[in-house]
């Protein structure tokens, strides 16, 4: 399963009501560190398919969601479990550190 594009219209269904943990990547197309992180996020989406859902939120297109979760710097990763934000990291992280967020 690849990454899900998250918007304010599908956020509740895809993230808050998901029955598995959701790793949400807040990113932008002009962001260098976001581009560095993108292949790692894609790899996690492939390897963790069925166990973890991976969603991407473009902060330029979804400013409301970025503001709601106080995303000041990107890339920001937030893990949601049962509708709650349970872990967050800012900046490029190694794959192991990202995976540790939803264990």
N, C-alpha and C. Protein backbone atom coordinates (compact mmCIF):
# COMPACT_ATOMS: atom_id res chain seq x y z
N UNK A 1 0.85 -1.19 0.00
CA UNK A 1 0.00 0.00 0.00
C UNK A 1 0.89 1.24 0.00
N UNK A 2 0.61 2.15 -0.87
CA UNK A 2 1.43 3.36 -0.93
C UNK A 2 0.86 4.42 0.00
N UNK A 3 1.46 5.58 -0.05
CA UNK A 3 1.02 6.66 0.82
C UNK A 3 -0.34 7.19 0.39
N UNK A 4 -1.10 7.63 1.38
CA UNK A 4 -2.43 8.21 1.15
C UNK A 4 -2.27 9.72 1.20
N UNK A 5 -2.84 10.41 0.22
CA UNK A 5 -2.83 11.87 0.25
C UNK A 5 -3.95 12.31 1.19
N UNK A 6 -3.59 13.05 2.23
CA UNK A 6 -4.56 13.46 3.24
C UNK A 6 -4.93 14.93 3.02
N UNK A 7 -6.23 15.18 3.06
CA UNK A 7 -6.74 16.55 2.97
C UNK A 7 -7.69 16.76 4.15
N UNK A 8 -8.14 17.99 4.34
CA UNK A 8 -9.08 18.22 5.44
C UNK A 8 -10.38 17.44 5.21
N UNK A 9 -10.68 17.13 3.95
CA UNK A 9 -11.91 16.39 3.65
C UNK A 9 -11.86 14.92 4.03
N UNK A 10 -10.67 14.30 3.96
CA UNK A 10 -10.59 12.87 4.29
C UNK A 10 -9.80 12.60 5.57
N UNK A 11 -9.36 13.66 6.27
CA UNK A 11 -8.52 13.50 7.46
C UNK A 11 -9.19 12.63 8.52
N UNK A 12 -10.45 12.93 8.82
CA UNK A 12 -11.14 12.17 9.87
C UNK A 12 -11.22 10.69 9.51
N UNK A 13 -11.63 10.38 8.28
CA UNK A 13 -11.78 8.98 7.85
C UNK A 13 -10.43 8.26 7.81
N UNK A 14 -9.42 8.90 7.19
CA UNK A 14 -8.13 8.23 6.97
C UNK A 14 -7.24 8.19 8.22
N UNK A 15 -7.34 9.21 9.07
CA UNK A 15 -6.42 9.31 10.21
C UNK A 15 -7.13 9.03 11.53
N UNK A 16 -8.13 9.84 11.86
CA UNK A 16 -8.76 9.73 13.18
C UNK A 16 -9.53 8.44 13.36
N UNK A 17 -10.13 7.92 12.29
CA UNK A 17 -10.95 6.70 12.41
C UNK A 17 -10.22 5.46 11.90
N UNK A 18 -8.92 5.57 11.65
CA UNK A 18 -8.15 4.41 11.17
C UNK A 18 -8.04 3.37 12.27
N UNK A 19 -8.14 2.10 11.89
CA UNK A 19 -8.01 1.04 12.89
C UNK A 19 -6.56 0.59 13.07
N UNK A 20 -5.64 1.19 12.32
CA UNK A 20 -4.21 0.93 12.52
C UNK A 20 -3.52 2.28 12.72
N UNK A 21 -2.31 2.28 13.33
CA UNK A 21 -1.60 3.55 13.51
C UNK A 21 -1.37 4.24 12.16
N UNK A 22 -1.35 5.58 12.19
CA UNK A 22 -1.13 6.35 10.97
C UNK A 22 0.08 7.26 11.16
N UNK A 23 1.03 7.15 10.26
CA UNK A 23 2.19 8.04 10.23
C UNK A 23 1.87 9.14 9.23
N UNK A 24 1.76 10.37 9.70
CA UNK A 24 1.42 11.49 8.83
C UNK A 24 2.67 12.34 8.60
N UNK A 25 2.98 12.54 7.32
CA UNK A 25 4.13 13.34 6.91
C UNK A 25 3.64 14.69 6.42
N UNK A 26 3.94 15.75 7.17
CA UNK A 26 3.63 17.12 6.74
C UNK A 26 4.82 17.60 5.91
N UNK A 27 4.59 17.95 4.66
CA UNK A 27 5.68 18.26 3.74
C UNK A 27 5.27 19.36 2.77
N UNK A 28 6.23 19.81 1.94
CA UNK A 28 5.95 20.75 0.85
C UNK A 28 6.90 20.45 -0.30
N UNK A 29 6.47 20.75 -1.52
CA UNK A 29 7.26 20.41 -2.71
C UNK A 29 8.58 21.18 -2.79
N UNK A 30 8.63 22.36 -2.18
CA UNK A 30 9.83 23.20 -2.23
C UNK A 30 10.83 22.89 -1.11
N UNK A 31 10.50 21.97 -0.23
CA UNK A 31 11.28 21.69 0.97
C UNK A 31 12.35 20.62 0.70
N UNK A 32 13.63 21.03 0.76
CA UNK A 32 14.74 20.10 0.53
C UNK A 32 14.76 18.90 1.47
N UNK A 33 14.69 19.14 2.80
CA UNK A 33 14.68 18.01 3.73
C UNK A 33 13.48 17.08 3.50
N UNK A 34 12.34 17.62 3.07
CA UNK A 34 11.17 16.79 2.77
C UNK A 34 11.49 15.81 1.64
N UNK A 35 12.21 16.32 0.63
CA UNK A 35 12.60 15.48 -0.51
C UNK A 35 13.56 14.39 -0.07
N UNK A 36 14.44 14.71 0.89
CA UNK A 36 15.37 13.71 1.42
C UNK A 36 14.62 12.62 2.19
N UNK A 37 13.59 13.02 2.90
CA UNK A 37 12.83 12.10 3.74
C UNK A 37 11.86 11.24 2.93
N UNK A 38 11.40 11.76 1.80
CA UNK A 38 10.36 11.10 1.01
C UNK A 38 10.63 9.62 0.68
N UNK A 39 11.84 9.25 0.20
CA UNK A 39 12.07 7.83 -0.10
C UNK A 39 12.00 6.94 1.15
N UNK A 40 12.39 7.48 2.30
CA UNK A 40 12.33 6.72 3.56
C UNK A 40 10.87 6.47 3.92
N UNK A 41 10.04 7.51 3.78
CA UNK A 41 8.61 7.39 4.08
C UNK A 41 7.96 6.37 3.13
N UNK A 42 8.33 6.43 1.85
CA UNK A 42 7.78 5.48 0.86
C UNK A 42 8.17 4.05 1.21
N UNK A 43 9.41 3.87 1.66
CA UNK A 43 9.88 2.54 2.04
C UNK A 43 9.11 2.01 3.25
N UNK A 44 8.88 2.87 4.23
CA UNK A 44 8.10 2.47 5.41
C UNK A 44 6.68 2.10 4.99
N UNK A 45 6.09 2.88 4.08
CA UNK A 45 4.73 2.60 3.60
C UNK A 45 4.66 1.20 2.98
N UNK A 46 5.68 0.83 2.21
CA UNK A 46 5.73 -0.50 1.58
C UNK A 46 5.90 -1.59 2.62
N UNK A 47 6.92 -1.43 3.47
CA UNK A 47 7.29 -2.48 4.42
C UNK A 47 6.26 -2.67 5.53
N UNK A 48 5.58 -1.61 5.91
CA UNK A 48 4.64 -1.69 7.04
C UNK A 48 3.18 -1.78 6.57
N UNK A 49 2.96 -2.00 5.28
CA UNK A 49 1.60 -2.07 4.72
C UNK A 49 0.75 -3.04 5.54
N UNK A 50 -0.45 -2.58 5.92
CA UNK A 50 -1.35 -3.42 6.70
C UNK A 50 -1.16 -3.23 8.21
N UNK A 51 0.05 -2.79 8.62
CA UNK A 51 0.31 -2.57 10.04
C UNK A 51 0.26 -1.09 10.39
N UNK A 52 0.74 -0.27 9.45
CA UNK A 52 0.78 1.18 9.64
C UNK A 52 0.33 1.83 8.34
N UNK A 53 -0.53 2.83 8.46
CA UNK A 53 -0.94 3.60 7.28
C UNK A 53 -0.04 4.83 7.20
N UNK A 54 0.40 5.18 6.00
CA UNK A 54 1.24 6.36 5.83
C UNK A 54 0.48 7.39 5.02
N UNK A 55 0.33 8.58 5.61
CA UNK A 55 -0.38 9.66 4.94
C UNK A 55 0.53 10.85 4.73
N UNK A 56 0.29 11.58 3.65
CA UNK A 56 1.09 12.77 3.36
C UNK A 56 0.17 13.98 3.30
N UNK A 57 0.57 15.05 4.00
CA UNK A 57 -0.19 16.29 3.99
C UNK A 57 0.70 17.39 3.43
N UNK A 58 0.31 17.94 2.29
CA UNK A 58 1.04 19.07 1.70
C UNK A 58 0.62 20.33 2.46
N UNK A 59 1.57 20.93 3.17
CA UNK A 59 1.23 22.06 4.05
C UNK A 59 0.80 23.30 3.26
N UNK A 60 1.24 23.41 2.01
CA UNK A 60 0.81 24.55 1.18
C UNK A 60 -0.66 24.43 0.79
N UNK A 61 -1.10 23.19 0.54
CA UNK A 61 -2.49 22.96 0.12
C UNK A 61 -3.42 22.77 1.31
N UNK A 62 -2.87 22.35 2.46
CA UNK A 62 -3.69 22.03 3.63
C UNK A 62 -3.23 22.85 4.83
N UNK A 63 -3.25 24.17 4.68
CA UNK A 63 -2.75 25.05 5.74
C UNK A 63 -3.55 24.91 7.02
N UNK A 64 -4.85 24.61 6.89
CA UNK A 64 -5.72 24.43 8.05
C UNK A 64 -5.23 23.29 8.94
N UNK A 65 -4.91 22.14 8.30
CA UNK A 65 -4.42 20.98 9.06
C UNK A 65 -3.05 21.27 9.67
N UNK A 66 -2.19 21.92 8.91
CA UNK A 66 -0.86 22.27 9.44
C UNK A 66 -1.00 23.16 10.67
N UNK A 67 -1.92 24.12 10.61
CA UNK A 67 -2.14 25.02 11.75
C UNK A 67 -2.75 24.27 12.93
N UNK A 68 -3.68 23.37 12.64
CA UNK A 68 -4.36 22.60 13.69
C UNK A 68 -3.35 21.81 14.53
N UNK A 69 -2.32 21.27 13.87
CA UNK A 69 -1.33 20.47 14.59
C UNK A 69 -0.04 21.25 14.87
N UNK A 70 -0.14 22.59 14.75
CA UNK A 70 0.97 23.50 15.07
C UNK A 70 2.26 23.11 14.37
N UNK A 71 2.15 22.77 13.10
CA UNK A 71 3.33 22.43 12.32
C UNK A 71 4.03 23.72 11.92
N UNK A 72 5.18 23.97 12.53
CA UNK A 72 5.94 25.21 12.28
C UNK A 72 7.11 24.95 11.34
N UNK A 73 7.66 23.76 11.39
CA UNK A 73 8.78 23.39 10.54
C UNK A 73 8.44 22.10 9.82
N UNK A 74 8.98 21.94 8.62
CA UNK A 74 8.75 20.70 7.90
C UNK A 74 10.10 20.14 7.48
N UNK A 75 10.22 18.83 7.30
CA UNK A 75 9.14 17.86 7.49
C UNK A 75 8.82 17.63 8.97
N UNK A 76 7.53 17.49 9.25
CA UNK A 76 7.07 17.09 10.58
C UNK A 76 6.34 15.77 10.41
N UNK A 77 6.66 14.80 11.24
CA UNK A 77 5.99 13.51 11.24
C UNK A 77 5.20 13.39 12.53
N UNK A 78 3.93 12.98 12.41
CA UNK A 78 3.11 12.74 13.60
C UNK A 78 2.49 11.36 13.46
N UNK A 79 2.56 10.58 14.53
CA UNK A 79 1.92 9.27 14.56
C UNK A 79 0.62 9.39 15.34
N UNK A 80 -0.45 8.90 14.73
CA UNK A 80 -1.77 8.88 15.36
C UNK A 80 -2.16 7.44 15.66
N UNK A 81 -2.66 7.22 16.88
CA UNK A 81 -3.22 5.92 17.26
C UNK A 81 -4.57 6.19 17.89
N UNK A 82 -5.59 5.51 17.42
CA UNK A 82 -6.95 5.67 17.96
C UNK A 82 -7.38 7.13 17.99
N UNK A 83 -7.03 7.86 16.94
CA UNK A 83 -7.47 9.25 16.82
C UNK A 83 -6.66 10.26 17.62
N UNK A 84 -5.62 9.79 18.31
CA UNK A 84 -4.79 10.68 19.13
C UNK A 84 -3.38 10.77 18.56
N UNK A 85 -2.80 11.97 18.60
CA UNK A 85 -1.40 12.13 18.22
C UNK A 85 -0.56 11.60 19.37
N UNK A 86 0.26 10.57 19.12
CA UNK A 86 1.02 9.93 20.20
C UNK A 86 2.53 10.16 20.09
N UNK A 87 3.01 10.57 18.92
CA UNK A 87 4.45 10.82 18.75
C UNK A 87 4.64 11.83 17.64
N UNK A 88 5.72 12.61 17.75
CA UNK A 88 5.98 13.63 16.75
C UNK A 88 7.48 13.84 16.61
N UNK A 89 7.93 14.09 15.39
CA UNK A 89 9.32 14.45 15.18
C UNK A 89 9.40 15.50 14.08
N UNK A 90 10.42 16.33 14.14
CA UNK A 90 10.62 17.39 13.16
C UNK A 90 11.99 17.21 12.54
N UNK A 91 12.05 17.34 11.22
CA UNK A 91 13.32 17.22 10.52
C UNK A 91 13.53 15.82 9.97
N UNK A 92 14.63 15.65 9.27
CA UNK A 92 14.95 14.35 8.67
C UNK A 92 15.44 13.42 9.77
N UNK A 93 14.81 12.25 9.85
CA UNK A 93 15.17 11.25 10.86
C UNK A 93 15.58 9.96 10.15
N UNK A 94 16.46 9.16 10.77
CA UNK A 94 16.75 7.85 10.19
C UNK A 94 15.51 6.95 10.26
N UNK A 95 15.45 6.02 9.33
CA UNK A 95 14.29 5.13 9.23
C UNK A 95 13.98 4.44 10.56
N UNK A 96 15.01 3.96 11.26
CA UNK A 96 14.80 3.24 12.52
C UNK A 96 14.11 4.14 13.55
N UNK A 97 14.51 5.39 13.57
CA UNK A 97 13.93 6.33 14.54
C UNK A 97 12.45 6.60 14.22
N UNK A 98 12.14 6.68 12.94
CA UNK A 98 10.73 6.90 12.53
C UNK A 98 9.90 5.67 12.91
N UNK A 99 10.43 4.48 12.61
CA UNK A 99 9.69 3.25 12.92
C UNK A 99 9.49 3.10 14.43
N UNK A 100 10.43 3.56 15.22
CA UNK A 100 10.32 3.46 16.68
C UNK A 100 9.15 4.30 17.19
N UNK A 101 8.75 5.31 16.43
CA UNK A 101 7.63 6.18 16.85
C UNK A 101 6.31 5.42 16.92
N UNK A 102 6.12 4.38 16.11
CA UNK A 102 4.83 3.69 16.16
C UNK A 102 4.93 2.29 16.75
N UNK A 103 5.98 2.05 17.52
CA UNK A 103 6.08 0.74 18.19
C UNK A 103 5.62 0.85 19.62
